[in-house]
Amino acid sequence: MTTPTTAITAIAQQYTRVRQQSIRLCEPLEAEDYTVQPVDDVSPPKWHLGHSTWFFENFLLVPNLPDYQLFDERLNWFFNSYYESQGPRILRSNRGNMTRPTLAAILDYRKHVDRAMEQLLDRGEATVEDLTELGLHHEQQHQELLLCDIKYILGSNPLYPTYRNEPDRPTVRQPHRFIPVAGGQYSIGHEGAGFRWDNELSRHDVLLQQFGIGSRLVTNGEYLEFMEDGGYRRFELWQMDGIAWARTLPVKAPLYWYREGDAWKQYTLNRGLADLDPDIPVTHLSWYEADAYARWAGARLATEFEWEVACRQLQPDVPRHGNWVEREDFHPLAATSLDDHQLMGHCWEWTNSAYLPYPRYPRPEGALGEYNGKFMINQMVLRGGSCATPGSHIRPTYRNFFQPEKRWQFTGIRLAKDL
């Protein structure tokens, strides 16, 4: 056994913190909340707890810790998400049908793996450092998904239960304006040290024309104006697929908006069902809705390259790389103020860019090549991070991606304009 390096010791400390955070996020739930799956996109909370544990067992402990004993080899079928190389797995849509393994068994599974990971990291082998860090960032992604899925589970329940009773932060509605960004040649993508996902590589140059970027996000009140102007009926504002999708909506409004008489209500995690606040960012929109609104407003969505360049210019102090900074100032339940020049941390911002590999994209070999690379089709890029995004994922180069109809994430709109 070798002496653990400073880096390994730091990773071991972060391992404990990240793993505990997943449990804390689930503390407000009732036992019944852990298993349900209202729609295919939403995974039961107990599945997230098991899957993130399976990742460490399958990719770190089995190949690297001598004499490691699987907690239960049958769990591979339950908690393998989409890794074809790792064998058969449950259909995503059936995750909520499994009452077993029980929550108690999954919590025991987490403890079993955590004890083994402590042994592995105590060995001080630098070869496991990068993969452990990746596993922690993977679990943090699932923590964000946990909050999104919990919101759908509670927000689609007619009782509209609150997740936690927390006071809202005051909002400040700044006048909207377009901030000019000069045209020219710019470098895009990750560079240097620090954690990054493979889809942030390789750094390359792009040529941009002069454009303007919205000084803040679109608000509930502004989106309501679009709705009242017949926005969901005006086919000329929508892409063909988009208007066909919009016509299927039972409620022609963002997700979690509900009409009561002449007033709109909105479900939020910390208030339950409450009056719509016109001065907070509109969230839970599809790309179709964001694109239609932008056209209605006489603007457009920024490309992901424009967004990254604007972010670097307007928020130069934001770290370029993933780090382990805690974001105590961004509570995952609280509304945040709409300050000028703040491009990160409110909600994920849809861009007008398809999710495709960068030039010279280094798709990893083996199972980890399935993490991002095989999803680079039929999806759109989002940038910026949301109020539910861990601090270590808030950086200018982070590329989130979803199909254009998805809106259970904290997704919103920032406008752009040709100048």
Protein backbone atom coordinates (compact mmCIF):
# COMPACT_ATOMS: atom_id res chain seq x y z
CA MET A 1 0.00 0.00 0.00
CA THR A 2 1.25 3.49 -0.84
CA THR A 3 0.79 6.67 1.17
CA PRO A 4 -2.22 8.62 -0.09
CA THR A 5 -1.30 11.74 -2.03
CA THR A 6 -2.74 15.14 -1.21
CA ALA A 7 -4.98 14.80 -4.26
CA ILE A 8 -6.29 11.39 -3.18
CA THR A 9 -6.93 12.71 0.34
CA ALA A 10 -8.91 15.62 -1.11
CA ILE A 11 -10.91 13.25 -3.31
CA ALA A 12 -11.68 11.06 -0.27
CA GLN A 13 -13.01 14.10 1.58
CA GLN A 14 -15.12 15.13 -1.38
CA TYR A 15 -16.40 11.58 -1.70
CA THR A 16 -17.89 11.76 1.77
CA ARG A 17 -19.41 15.19 1.19
CA VAL A 18 -20.97 14.37 -2.17
CA ARG A 19 -22.40 11.05 -1.03
CA GLN A 20 -23.95 12.65 2.05
CA GLN A 21 -25.54 15.37 -0.07
CA SER A 22 -27.58 12.81 -2.02
CA ILE A 23 -29.06 11.54 1.24
CA ARG A 24 -29.76 15.07 2.49
CA LEU A 25 -31.69 15.93 -0.67
CA CYS A 26 -34.01 13.00 0.02
CA GLU A 27 -34.60 13.74 3.70
CA PRO A 28 -37.87 15.70 3.17
CA LEU A 29 -39.45 12.80 1.26
CA GLU A 30 -42.01 10.36 2.58
CA ALA A 31 -41.44 6.65 2.03
CA GLU A 32 -44.02 6.56 -0.78
CA ASP A 33 -42.20 9.30 -2.70
CA TYR A 34 -39.10 7.18 -3.24
CA THR A 35 -40.63 4.68 -5.68
CA VAL A 36 -43.09 6.46 -7.98
CA GLN A 37 -42.35 7.30 -11.61
CA PRO A 38 -45.08 9.55 -13.06
CA VAL A 39 -43.49 9.72 -16.56
CA ASP A 40 -40.62 7.98 -18.34
CA ASP A 41 -38.22 10.93 -17.92
CA VAL A 42 -38.58 10.89 -14.13
CA SER A 43 -36.68 8.21 -12.24
CA PRO A 44 -37.72 7.25 -8.70
CA PRO A 45 -35.48 8.86 -6.05
CA LYS A 46 -34.42 5.47 -4.73
CA TRP A 47 -33.23 4.54 -8.24
CA HIS A 48 -30.91 7.57 -8.26
CA LEU A 49 -29.49 6.51 -4.89
CA GLY A 50 -28.85 3.01 -6.20
CA HIS A 51 -27.55 3.93 -9.65
CA SER A 52 -24.93 6.39 -8.39
CA THR A 53 -23.75 3.69 -5.98
CA TRP A 54 -23.63 1.08 -8.76
CA PHE A 55 -21.34 3.39 -10.73
CA PHE A 56 -18.68 3.28 -8.00
CA GLU A 57 -19.08 -0.46 -7.45
CA ASN A 58 -19.02 -1.38 -11.12
CA PHE A 59 -16.34 0.95 -12.47
CA LEU A 60 -14.05 1.40 -9.45
CA LEU A 61 -14.39 -1.33 -6.84
CA VAL A 62 -14.76 -4.42 -9.00
CA PRO A 63 -11.70 -3.73 -11.17
CA ASN A 64 -9.48 -2.07 -8.54
CA LEU A 65 -10.10 -3.45 -5.03
CA PRO A 66 -8.78 -7.00 -4.56
CA ASP A 67 -11.26 -9.45 -3.04
CA TYR A 68 -14.14 -6.97 -3.25
CA GLN A 69 -17.47 -8.73 -2.70
CA LEU A 70 -20.50 -7.51 -4.61
CA PHE A 71 -23.36 -6.44 -2.37
CA ASP A 72 -25.82 -8.24 -4.65
CA GLU A 73 -24.93 -9.10 -8.24
CA ARG A 74 -28.60 -8.84 -9.24
CA LEU A 75 -28.49 -5.07 -8.68
CA ASN A 76 -26.59 -4.61 -11.94
CA TRP A 77 -29.87 -5.20 -13.79
CA PHE A 78 -31.73 -2.62 -11.67
CA PHE A 79 -29.14 0.14 -11.67
CA ASN A 80 -27.34 -0.03 -15.00
CA SER A 81 -28.78 3.03 -16.75
CA TYR A 82 -27.84 2.83 -20.44
CA TYR A 83 -24.45 1.11 -20.65
CA GLU A 84 -24.80 -1.51 -23.36
CA SER A 85 -21.32 -2.78 -22.51
CA GLN A 86 -22.38 -3.58 -18.93
CA GLY A 87 -25.08 -6.10 -19.72
CA PRO A 88 -28.90 -6.22 -19.65
CA ARG A 89 -30.87 -3.66 -17.64
CA ILE A 90 -34.37 -2.68 -16.69
CA LEU A 91 -36.33 -0.55 -19.16
CA ARG A 92 -36.16 3.07 -18.10
CA SER A 93 -39.95 3.31 -18.12
CA ASN A 94 -40.20 0.39 -15.67
CA ARG A 95 -37.99 1.77 -12.91
CA GLY A 96 -41.04 2.85 -10.92
CA ASN A 97 -42.61 -0.62 -11.09
CA MET A 98 -39.99 -2.16 -8.83
CA THR A 99 -40.98 -2.14 -5.15
CA ARG A 100 -37.88 -4.23 -4.48
CA PRO A 101 -35.06 -3.74 -3.69
CA THR A 102 -36.46 -1.77 -0.80
CA LEU A 103 -35.21 1.66 0.21
CA ALA A 104 -33.61 0.06 3.29
CA ALA A 105 -31.70 -2.37 1.06
CA ILE A 106 -30.48 0.46 -1.16
CA LEU A 107 -29.28 2.46 1.83
CA ASP A 108 -27.41 -0.65 3.03
CA TYR A 109 -25.96 -0.96 -0.46
CA ARG A 110 -24.67 2.62 -0.26
CA LYS A 111 -23.02 1.93 3.11
CA HIS A 112 -21.41 -1.26 1.78
CA VAL A 113 -19.95 0.54 -1.22
CA ASP A 114 -18.89 3.58 0.83
CA ARG A 115 -16.90 1.39 3.23
CA ALA A 116 -15.19 -0.33 0.31
CA MET A 117 -14.45 2.98 -1.41
CA GLU A 118 -12.82 4.20 1.80
CA GLN A 119 -10.55 1.14 1.68
CA LEU A 120 -9.77 1.73 -1.98
CA LEU A 121 -8.87 5.39 -1.47
CA ASP A 122 -6.81 4.53 1.63
CA ARG A 123 -4.58 2.43 -0.62
CA GLY A 124 -3.32 5.70 -2.08
CA GLU A 125 -3.22 4.55 -5.68
CA ALA A 126 -3.23 7.56 -7.99
CA THR A 127 -4.68 5.46 -10.82
CA VAL A 128 -8.16 5.64 -9.27
CA GLU A 129 -8.12 9.40 -8.69
CA ASP A 130 -9.53 10.56 -12.03
CA LEU A 131 -12.23 7.91 -12.19
CA THR A 132 -13.34 8.61 -8.61
CA GLU A 133 -13.60 12.32 -9.43
CA LEU A 134 -15.67 11.48 -12.49
CA GLY A 135 -17.93 9.30 -10.35
CA LEU A 136 -18.48 12.17 -7.93
CA HIS A 137 -19.39 14.58 -10.73
CA HIS A 138 -21.71 11.87 -12.07
CA GLU A 139 -23.43 11.66 -8.68
CA GLN A 140 -23.76 15.44 -8.60
CA GLN A 141 -25.51 15.28 -11.96
CA HIS A 142 -27.95 12.86 -10.36
CA GLN A 143 -28.42 15.21 -7.43
CA GLU A 144 -29.64 17.84 -9.87
CA LEU A 145 -31.86 15.24 -11.53
CA LEU A 146 -33.13 14.25 -8.07
CA LEU A 147 -34.43 17.77 -7.49
CA CYS A 148 -36.02 17.89 -10.94
CA ASP A 149 -37.61 14.47 -10.49
CA ILE A 150 -38.79 15.22 -6.96
CA LYS A 151 -40.41 18.40 -8.26
CA TYR A 152 -42.26 16.42 -10.93
CA ILE A 153 -43.35 13.75 -8.45
CA LEU A 154 -44.72 16.33 -6.00
CA GLY A 155 -45.82 18.92 -8.55
CA SER A 156 -47.98 16.46 -10.50
CA ASN A 157 -49.76 15.37 -7.32
CA PRO A 158 -53.14 17.14 -6.85
CA LEU A 159 -52.21 17.82 -3.21
CA TYR A 160 -49.22 19.89 -4.43
CA PRO A 161 -47.10 19.12 -1.35
CA THR A 162 -44.13 21.31 -0.58
CA TYR A 163 -40.68 19.81 -0.52
CA ARG A 164 -39.31 22.15 2.11
CA ASN A 165 -40.84 25.32 3.50
CA GLU A 166 -38.22 27.92 2.68
CA PRO A 167 -38.65 31.68 2.25
CA ASP A 168 -38.22 33.04 -1.26
CA ARG A 169 -35.40 35.41 -1.96
CA PRO A 170 -36.52 38.85 -3.11
CA THR A 171 -36.37 39.39 -6.84
CA VAL A 172 -35.19 42.50 -8.62
CA ARG A 173 -36.57 43.03 -12.08
CA GLN A 174 -34.00 44.90 -14.13
CA PRO A 175 -35.08 46.47 -17.44
CA HIS A 176 -34.23 44.14 -20.29
CA ARG A 177 -31.61 45.28 -22.79
CA PHE A 178 -29.26 43.73 -25.29
CA ILE A 179 -25.57 43.90 -24.39
CA PRO A 180 -23.39 44.12 -27.51
CA VAL A 181 -20.69 41.52 -28.08
CA ALA A 182 -18.12 42.23 -30.79
CA GLY A 183 -17.70 39.90 -33.71
CA GLY A 184 -14.43 38.11 -34.31
CA GLN A 185 -12.57 34.86 -33.88
CA TYR A 186 -12.96 33.21 -30.48
CA SER A 187 -11.74 30.01 -28.83
CA ILE A 188 -14.45 27.67 -27.54
CA GLY A 189 -14.24 24.76 -25.13
CA HIS A 190 -12.24 23.63 -22.14
CA GLU A 191 -8.55 24.37 -21.74
CA GLY A 192 -5.99 23.71 -19.04
CA ALA A 193 -6.33 21.80 -15.79
CA GLY A 194 -9.47 21.08 -13.82
CA PHE A 195 -12.34 18.68 -14.28
CA ARG A 196 -14.31 18.70 -17.51
CA TRP A 197 -16.55 16.30 -19.37
CA ASP A 198 -15.28 14.86 -22.61
CA ASN A 199 -17.93 16.76 -24.58
CA GLU A 200 -16.22 20.05 -23.59
CA LEU A 201 -13.21 19.03 -25.73
CA SER A 202 -11.45 19.86 -27.94
CA ARG A 203 -10.85 23.59 -27.78
CA HIS A 204 -11.30 25.17 -31.19
CA ASP A 205 -11.86 28.51 -32.88
CA VAL A 206 -15.15 29.88 -34.20
CA LEU A 207 -15.93 33.04 -36.15
CA LEU A 208 -18.84 35.09 -34.78
CA GLN A 209 -20.66 38.13 -36.15
CA GLN A 210 -21.51 40.99 -33.82
CA PHE A 211 -24.57 40.19 -31.71
CA GLY A 212 -26.45 41.28 -28.62
CA ILE A 213 -27.13 39.08 -25.60
CA GLY A 214 -30.03 39.62 -23.23
CA SER A 215 -29.02 41.30 -19.98
CA ARG A 216 -31.26 38.93 -18.03
CA LEU A 217 -33.62 36.01 -18.43
CA VAL A 218 -37.20 36.25 -19.63
CA THR A 219 -39.64 36.47 -16.71
CA ASN A 220 -42.97 34.84 -15.95
CA GLY A 221 -44.74 38.12 -16.61
CA GLU A 222 -43.15 38.55 -20.01
CA TYR A 223 -43.95 34.99 -21.00
CA LEU A 224 -47.55 35.52 -19.90
CA GLU A 225 -47.76 38.39 -22.40
CA PHE A 226 -46.75 35.94 -25.13
CA MET A 227 -49.47 33.54 -24.02
CA GLU A 228 -52.12 36.27 -23.89
CA ASP A 229 -51.14 37.32 -27.42
CA GLY A 230 -52.11 33.87 -28.67
CA GLY A 231 -48.55 32.58 -28.67
CA TYR A 232 -49.52 28.90 -28.46
CA ARG A 233 -51.96 29.23 -31.38
CA ARG A 234 -49.87 31.27 -33.80
CA PHE A 235 -48.28 28.65 -36.03
CA GLU A 236 -46.03 31.24 -37.72
CA LEU A 237 -43.99 31.50 -34.50
CA TRP A 238 -43.22 27.79 -34.24
CA GLN A 239 -41.14 25.17 -35.94
CA MET A 240 -43.35 22.55 -37.60
CA ASP A 241 -42.55 19.89 -34.99
CA GLY A 242 -43.04 22.49 -32.29
CA ILE A 243 -46.56 23.56 -33.19
CA ALA A 244 -47.59 19.91 -33.51
CA TRP A 245 -46.16 19.32 -30.02
CA ALA A 246 -47.82 22.44 -28.60
CA ARG A 247 -51.24 21.36 -29.84
CA THR A 248 -50.99 18.22 -27.68
CA LEU A 249 -50.49 20.15 -24.43
CA PRO A 250 -53.47 19.90 -22.08
CA VAL A 251 -52.41 23.26 -20.58
CA LYS A 252 -50.94 25.77 -23.04
CA ALA A 253 -48.42 27.11 -20.55
CA PRO A 254 -45.08 26.22 -18.98
CA LEU A 255 -44.91 23.07 -16.91
CA TYR A 256 -46.23 23.56 -13.34
CA TRP A 257 -48.52 26.46 -14.33
CA TYR A 258 -52.17 25.89 -13.40
CA ARG A 259 -55.19 28.08 -14.12
CA GLU A 260 -57.60 28.82 -11.28
CA GLY A 261 -60.42 31.02 -12.52
CA ASP A 262 -58.84 34.09 -14.07
CA ALA A 263 -55.53 33.67 -12.27
CA TRP A 264 -52.45 31.59 -12.90
CA LYS A 265 -50.83 29.55 -10.16
CA GLN A 266 -47.37 28.00 -10.22
CA TYR A 267 -46.05 25.00 -8.32
CA THR A 268 -42.67 25.52 -6.68
CA LEU A 269 -40.77 23.21 -4.37
CA ASN A 270 -40.65 25.63 -1.47
CA ARG A 271 -44.16 27.12 -1.68
CA GLY A 272 -46.31 24.39 -3.17
CA LEU A 273 -49.06 25.86 -5.35
CA ALA A 274 -48.96 29.65 -5.10
CA ASP A 275 -49.78 32.78 -7.06
CA LEU A 276 -47.62 33.24 -10.14
CA ASP A 277 -44.73 35.61 -9.43
CA PRO A 278 -44.31 37.75 -12.57
CA ASP A 279 -40.78 38.87 -11.71
CA ILE A 280 -38.88 35.60 -11.51
CA PRO A 281 -37.40 33.74 -14.48
CA VAL A 282 -39.85 31.64 -16.43
CA THR A 283 -38.76 28.01 -16.14
CA HIS A 284 -39.67 24.49 -17.26
CA LEU A 285 -39.99 25.36 -20.94
CA SER A 286 -39.21 23.21 -23.94
CA TRP A 287 -36.85 24.37 -26.67
CA TYR A 288 -39.93 24.68 -28.89
CA GLU A 289 -41.47 27.18 -26.47
CA ALA A 290 -38.23 29.10 -26.02
CA ASP A 291 -37.72 29.37 -29.78
CA ALA A 292 -41.33 30.48 -30.39
CA TYR A 293 -41.15 33.11 -27.66
CA ALA A 294 -37.89 34.48 -29.04
CA ARG A 295 -39.44 34.85 -32.49
CA TRP A 296 -42.51 36.54 -30.97
CA ALA A 297 -40.19 38.98 -29.15
CA GLY A 298 -38.39 39.90 -32.38
CA ALA A 299 -35.23 38.15 -31.27
CA ARG A 300 -33.72 34.67 -31.33
CA LEU A 301 -31.87 32.20 -29.12
CA ALA A 302 -28.10 32.49 -28.92
CA THR A 303 -25.91 29.76 -30.31
CA GLU A 304 -23.92 27.90 -27.69
CA PHE A 305 -20.76 29.59 -29.00
CA GLU A 306 -22.27 33.06 -28.66
CA TRP A 307 -23.42 32.17 -25.16
CA GLU A 308 -19.95 31.01 -24.08
CA VAL A 309 -18.24 34.08 -25.49
CA ALA A 310 -20.77 36.40 -23.83
CA CYS A 311 -20.37 34.56 -20.53
CA ARG A 312 -16.59 34.93 -20.56
CA GLN A 313 -16.87 38.64 -21.29
CA LEU A 314 -19.66 39.49 -18.87
CA GLN A 315 -18.66 37.16 -16.02
CA PRO A 316 -14.88 36.97 -16.22
CA ASP A 317 -14.54 35.89 -12.58
CA VAL A 318 -16.50 32.64 -13.01
CA PRO A 319 -14.08 29.67 -12.78
CA ARG A 320 -13.26 28.11 -16.13
CA HIS A 321 -13.05 24.63 -14.68
CA GLY A 322 -15.07 22.31 -12.49
CA ASN A 323 -14.11 22.75 -8.83
CA TRP A 324 -15.62 21.87 -5.49
CA VAL A 325 -16.91 25.31 -4.58
CA GLU A 326 -20.01 25.24 -2.42
CA ARG A 327 -22.79 27.54 -3.60
CA GLU A 328 -24.40 28.56 -0.34
CA ASP A 329 -25.72 31.67 -2.09
CA PHE A 330 -27.77 29.52 -4.49
CA HIS A 331 -30.31 27.51 -2.57
CA PRO A 332 -31.92 24.94 -4.88
CA LEU A 333 -35.39 26.02 -3.80
CA ALA A 334 -35.09 29.78 -3.78
CA ALA A 335 -35.86 32.29 -6.49
CA THR A 336 -32.76 34.29 -7.35
CA SER A 337 -32.48 37.93 -8.32
CA LEU A 338 -32.27 38.92 -11.98
CA ASP A 339 -29.06 40.91 -11.87
CA ASP A 340 -27.54 42.36 -15.00
CA HIS A 341 -24.67 40.36 -16.54
CA GLN A 342 -25.56 37.20 -14.58
CA LEU A 343 -25.53 34.39 -17.15
CA MET A 344 -25.11 31.46 -14.80
CA GLY A 345 -26.99 29.78 -11.97
CA HIS A 346 -30.62 30.83 -12.51
CA CYS A 347 -31.87 28.22 -14.96
CA TRP A 348 -30.52 26.27 -17.90
CA GLU A 349 -30.71 28.43 -21.01
CA TRP A 350 -31.75 26.87 -24.29
CA THR A 351 -29.44 27.68 -27.19
CA ASN A 352 -29.98 27.41 -30.91
CA SER A 353 -27.23 24.80 -31.27
CA ALA A 354 -27.65 21.11 -31.91
CA TYR A 355 -25.69 18.83 -29.58
CA LEU A 356 -22.80 17.66 -31.75
CA PRO A 357 -19.16 16.76 -31.12
CA TYR A 358 -16.55 19.50 -31.29
CA PRO A 359 -13.79 19.17 -33.88
CA ARG A 360 -11.26 16.51 -32.80
CA TYR A 361 -13.64 15.29 -30.08
CA PRO A 362 -11.75 12.60 -28.10
CA ARG A 363 -14.48 10.05 -27.46
CA PRO A 364 -13.22 7.82 -24.62
CA GLU A 365 -12.61 4.14 -25.11
CA GLY A 366 -14.67 1.47 -23.39
CA ALA A 367 -17.80 1.93 -21.29
CA LEU A 368 -17.12 5.59 -20.51
CA GLY A 369 -17.33 6.31 -24.22
CA GLU A 370 -21.06 5.71 -23.76
CA TYR A 371 -21.36 8.56 -21.24
CA ASN A 372 -21.76 11.50 -23.65
CA GLY A 373 -20.68 10.55 -27.14
CA LYS A 374 -23.56 8.30 -28.14
CA PHE A 375 -26.15 10.98 -27.32
CA MET A 376 -24.86 13.49 -29.87
CA ILE A 377 -27.93 13.37 -32.09
CA ASN A 378 -31.45 14.87 -32.01
CA GLN A 379 -30.78 17.04 -28.97
CA MET A 380 -30.24 20.74 -28.30
CA VAL A 381 -27.59 22.34 -26.09
CA LEU A 382 -28.33 24.25 -22.90
CA ARG A 383 -25.86 26.45 -21.06
CA GLY A 384 -25.47 28.23 -17.74
CA GLY A 385 -26.58 25.89 -14.98
CA SER A 386 -29.67 26.28 -12.81
CA CYS A 387 -30.55 26.98 -9.19
CA ALA A 388 -30.35 23.19 -8.71
CA THR A 389 -26.92 22.75 -10.33
CA PRO A 390 -23.98 21.87 -8.02
CA GLY A 391 -21.34 24.58 -7.83
CA SER A 392 -18.66 22.33 -9.32
CA HIS A 393 -20.68 22.23 -12.56
CA ILE A 394 -21.05 25.99 -12.96
CA ARG A 395 -18.56 26.98 -15.65
CA PRO A 396 -18.68 28.62 -19.09
CA THR A 397 -17.88 25.45 -21.05
CA TYR A 398 -20.40 23.04 -19.48
CA ARG A 399 -22.72 21.59 -22.15
CA ASN A 400 -26.07 20.24 -21.04
CA PHE A 401 -28.35 18.67 -23.65
CA PHE A 402 -31.93 17.48 -24.03
CA GLN A 403 -34.44 16.70 -26.74
CA PRO A 404 -36.38 19.84 -27.78
CA GLU A 405 -39.65 18.79 -26.13
CA LYS A 406 -38.18 18.17 -22.65
CA ARG A 407 -39.02 20.65 -19.91
CA TRP A 408 -38.95 18.97 -16.50
CA GLN A 409 -35.49 20.45 -15.93
CA PHE A 410 -35.11 24.06 -14.75
CA THR A 411 -34.96 25.44 -18.31
CA GLY A 412 -35.52 29.03 -19.38
CA ILE A 413 -34.92 31.71 -22.01
CA ARG A 414 -32.25 34.32 -22.65
CA LEU A 415 -32.72 36.29 -25.84
CA ALA A 416 -30.11 37.19 -28.43
CA LYS A 417 -30.22 39.52 -31.41
CA ASP A 418 -28.20 40.32 -34.51
CA LEU A 419 -26.65 43.80 -34.37
